[in-house]
Amino acid sequence: METGVVIGAEAADWRAAVRLAGDALARSGATLPGYGDDMVRMIEEHGPYVVIAPGLALAHARPGPDVLADGLSVVTLATPVAFGHPHNDPVCVVLGLSVVSVGDHLESIAQLANIFNDVSVIPALRGAKDAAEVMHIMGISHPAVSTAAVDQVEL
């Protein structure tokens, strides 16, 4: 799985936050640049269903021509943003997910959801100082991450 990480990013609103996750997926090689806009359209069409826990959004779109490989991006926000969710706003961690096939789509979401059964994960991600710490928290081995796919924004 291709992976991109952005630490301490600033986003004006939820659309910008989701596009940051999409940009990280594109830089990792998992998607083409338009995938971030696809994720935004899904939320515009279906509402803030992607806000799956307090402070956490899991942005994704359907498999399609913009998806080149399975991918995950993790974006931590310096200032949380509202998605319009009645209970789980504001969001401080945005995950971006891309999957090549429809069957893998649901399985990947379920696997990610299991990570967040531990209530300490979201605050740990928010407090992560670098990409290696994010990868450790998410249970992703470091060698799978290319340095081109990892961005660190100073707080």
Protein backbone atom coordinates (compact mmCIF):
# COMPACT_ATOMS: atom_id res chain seq x y z
CA MET A 1 0.00 0.00 0.00
CA GLU A 2 1.36 3.41 -1.00
CA THR A 3 1.43 5.85 1.92
CA GLY A 4 1.69 9.60 2.39
CA VAL A 5 1.88 11.58 5.62
CA VAL A 6 1.41 15.29 6.29
CA ILE A 7 2.04 16.59 9.82
CA GLY A 8 0.60 19.81 11.28
CA ALA A 9 -1.07 21.09 8.12
CA GLU A 10 -3.31 24.13 7.92
CA ALA A 11 -6.62 23.85 6.09
CA ALA A 12 -9.18 26.63 5.67
CA ASP A 13 -12.10 24.18 5.69
CA TRP A 14 -13.00 20.50 5.28
CA ARG A 15 -12.62 20.66 1.50
CA ALA A 16 -9.03 21.89 1.84
CA ALA A 17 -8.32 19.21 4.45
CA VAL A 18 -9.64 16.46 2.18
CA ARG A 19 -7.64 17.83 -0.75
CA LEU A 20 -4.49 17.69 1.41
CA ALA A 21 -5.20 13.97 1.93
CA GLY A 22 -5.78 13.59 -1.82
CA ASP A 23 -2.54 15.43 -2.63
CA ALA A 24 -0.62 13.11 -0.30
CA LEU A 25 -2.13 10.08 -2.05
CA ALA A 26 -1.14 11.51 -5.44
CA ARG A 27 2.44 12.23 -4.30
CA SER A 28 2.69 8.66 -3.00
CA GLY A 29 1.82 7.34 -6.44
CA ALA A 30 -1.47 5.77 -5.38
CA THR A 31 -3.72 8.17 -7.31
CA LEU A 32 -3.80 10.83 -9.95
CA PRO A 33 -4.21 14.42 -8.73
CA GLY A 34 -7.98 14.49 -9.44
CA TYR A 35 -8.73 11.90 -6.76
CA GLY A 36 -8.84 14.56 -4.03
CA ASP A 37 -11.67 16.29 -5.89
CA ASP A 38 -13.44 12.92 -6.20
CA MET A 39 -13.30 12.54 -2.40
CA VAL A 40 -14.70 16.07 -1.94
CA ARG A 41 -17.58 15.31 -4.34
CA MET A 42 -18.48 12.18 -2.37
CA ILE A 43 -18.85 14.24 0.80
CA GLU A 44 -20.79 16.97 -1.00
CA GLU A 45 -23.19 14.34 -2.36
CA HIS A 46 -23.56 12.17 0.74
CA GLY A 47 -22.81 14.46 3.67
CA PRO A 48 -20.19 14.15 6.41
CA TYR A 49 -20.47 10.35 6.69
CA VAL A 50 -16.66 10.21 6.48
CA VAL A 51 -16.34 11.63 10.00
CA ILE A 52 -16.26 8.22 11.64
CA ALA A 53 -15.16 9.12 15.18
CA PRO A 54 -14.61 12.27 17.23
CA GLY A 55 -11.83 14.17 15.48
CA LEU A 56 -11.35 11.64 12.65
CA ALA A 57 -12.41 11.67 8.99
CA LEU A 58 -11.84 8.80 6.55
CA ALA A 59 -12.11 10.37 3.11
CA HIS A 60 -12.39 8.08 0.09
CA ALA A 61 -14.03 7.76 -3.29
CA ARG A 62 -15.00 4.86 -5.45
CA PRO A 63 -12.36 2.91 -7.34
CA GLY A 64 -11.92 4.41 -10.79
CA PRO A 65 -9.46 5.73 -13.36
CA ASP A 66 -7.83 8.13 -10.87
CA VAL A 67 -6.80 5.23 -8.61
CA LEU A 68 -3.45 3.69 -9.57
CA ALA A 69 -2.81 1.61 -6.43
CA ASP A 70 -4.12 0.96 -2.95
CA GLY A 71 -3.07 3.87 -0.81
CA LEU A 72 -3.43 5.57 2.55
CA SER A 73 -2.66 9.13 3.53
CA VAL A 74 -2.64 10.53 7.05
CA VAL A 75 -2.99 14.28 7.52
CA THR A 76 -2.84 15.87 10.95
CA LEU A 77 -4.25 19.37 11.18
CA ALA A 78 -2.73 22.13 13.28
CA THR A 79 -6.22 23.63 13.63
CA PRO A 80 -9.21 21.26 13.51
CA VAL A 81 -11.93 21.89 10.91
CA ALA A 82 -15.67 21.24 10.91
CA PHE A 83 -17.19 18.83 8.41
CA GLY A 84 -20.76 19.39 9.56
CA HIS A 85 -21.05 16.17 11.54
CA PRO A 86 -23.48 16.51 14.46
CA HIS A 87 -21.34 14.62 16.99
CA ASN A 88 -17.77 14.08 15.78
CA ASP A 89 -16.68 17.59 14.71
CA PRO A 90 -14.18 19.18 14.64
CA VAL A 91 -11.74 16.95 12.78
CA CYS A 92 -8.01 16.99 13.55
CA VAL A 93 -6.93 13.85 11.60
CA VAL A 94 -7.94 13.18 8.00
CA LEU A 95 -7.21 9.81 6.43
CA GLY A 96 -7.35 9.45 2.67
CA LEU A 97 -7.98 5.99 1.25
CA SER A 98 -7.69 4.73 -2.29
CA VAL A 99 -8.37 1.16 -3.39
CA VAL A 100 -8.14 -0.37 -6.84
CA SER A 101 -11.08 -2.80 -6.57
CA VAL A 102 -14.57 -2.49 -5.10
CA GLY A 103 -14.19 -5.62 -2.93
CA ASP A 104 -11.03 -4.26 -1.34
CA HIS A 105 -12.78 -0.95 -0.64
CA LEU A 106 -15.00 -2.29 2.13
CA GLU A 107 -12.30 -4.56 3.55
CA SER A 108 -9.82 -1.66 3.73
CA ILE A 109 -12.32 0.56 5.54
CA ALA A 110 -13.05 -2.21 8.04
CA GLN A 111 -9.32 -2.76 8.70
CA LEU A 112 -8.79 0.96 9.29
CA ALA A 113 -11.82 1.15 11.57
CA ASN A 114 -10.33 -1.61 13.74
CA ILE A 115 -7.24 0.51 14.39
CA PHE A 116 -9.45 3.22 15.82
CA ASN A 117 -11.21 0.90 18.28
CA ASP A 118 -8.39 2.05 20.57
CA VAL A 119 -9.50 5.52 21.72
CA SER A 120 -5.90 6.61 22.26
CA VAL A 121 -5.03 6.41 18.54
CA ILE A 122 -6.58 9.72 17.40
CA PRO A 123 -4.87 11.82 20.11
CA ALA A 124 -1.62 9.95 19.45
CA LEU A 125 -1.81 10.76 15.73
CA ARG A 126 -2.65 14.38 16.46
CA GLY A 127 0.42 14.62 18.70
CA ALA A 128 2.79 12.79 16.33
CA LYS A 129 5.93 14.78 15.59
CA ASP A 130 7.02 13.00 12.42
CA ALA A 131 5.98 10.53 9.76
CA ALA A 132 7.78 7.62 11.44
CA GLU A 133 5.67 8.09 14.56
CA VAL A 134 2.48 8.19 12.47
CA MET A 135 3.50 5.00 10.68
CA HIS A 136 4.20 3.27 13.99
CA ILE A 137 0.81 4.30 15.42
CA MET A 138 -0.95 3.07 12.27
CA GLY A 139 0.98 -0.21 12.30
CA ILE A 140 2.58 0.41 8.90
CA SER A 141 6.16 -0.69 8.38
CA HIS A 142 8.56 2.14 7.55
CA PRO A 143 10.31 0.61 4.50
CA ALA A 144 7.03 0.75 2.55
CA VAL A 145 7.04 4.54 2.77
CA SER A 146 9.00 6.42 0.17
CA THR A 147 10.55 9.67 1.33
CA ALA A 148 8.83 11.42 -1.57
CA ALA A 149 5.47 10.42 -0.11
CA VAL A 150 6.14 11.88 3.32
CA ASP A 151 5.74 15.55 4.08
CA GLN A 152 6.28 17.25 7.36
CA VAL A 153 4.87 20.69 8.00
CA GLU A 154 6.44 22.50 10.92
CA LEU A 155 4.03 23.47 13.67
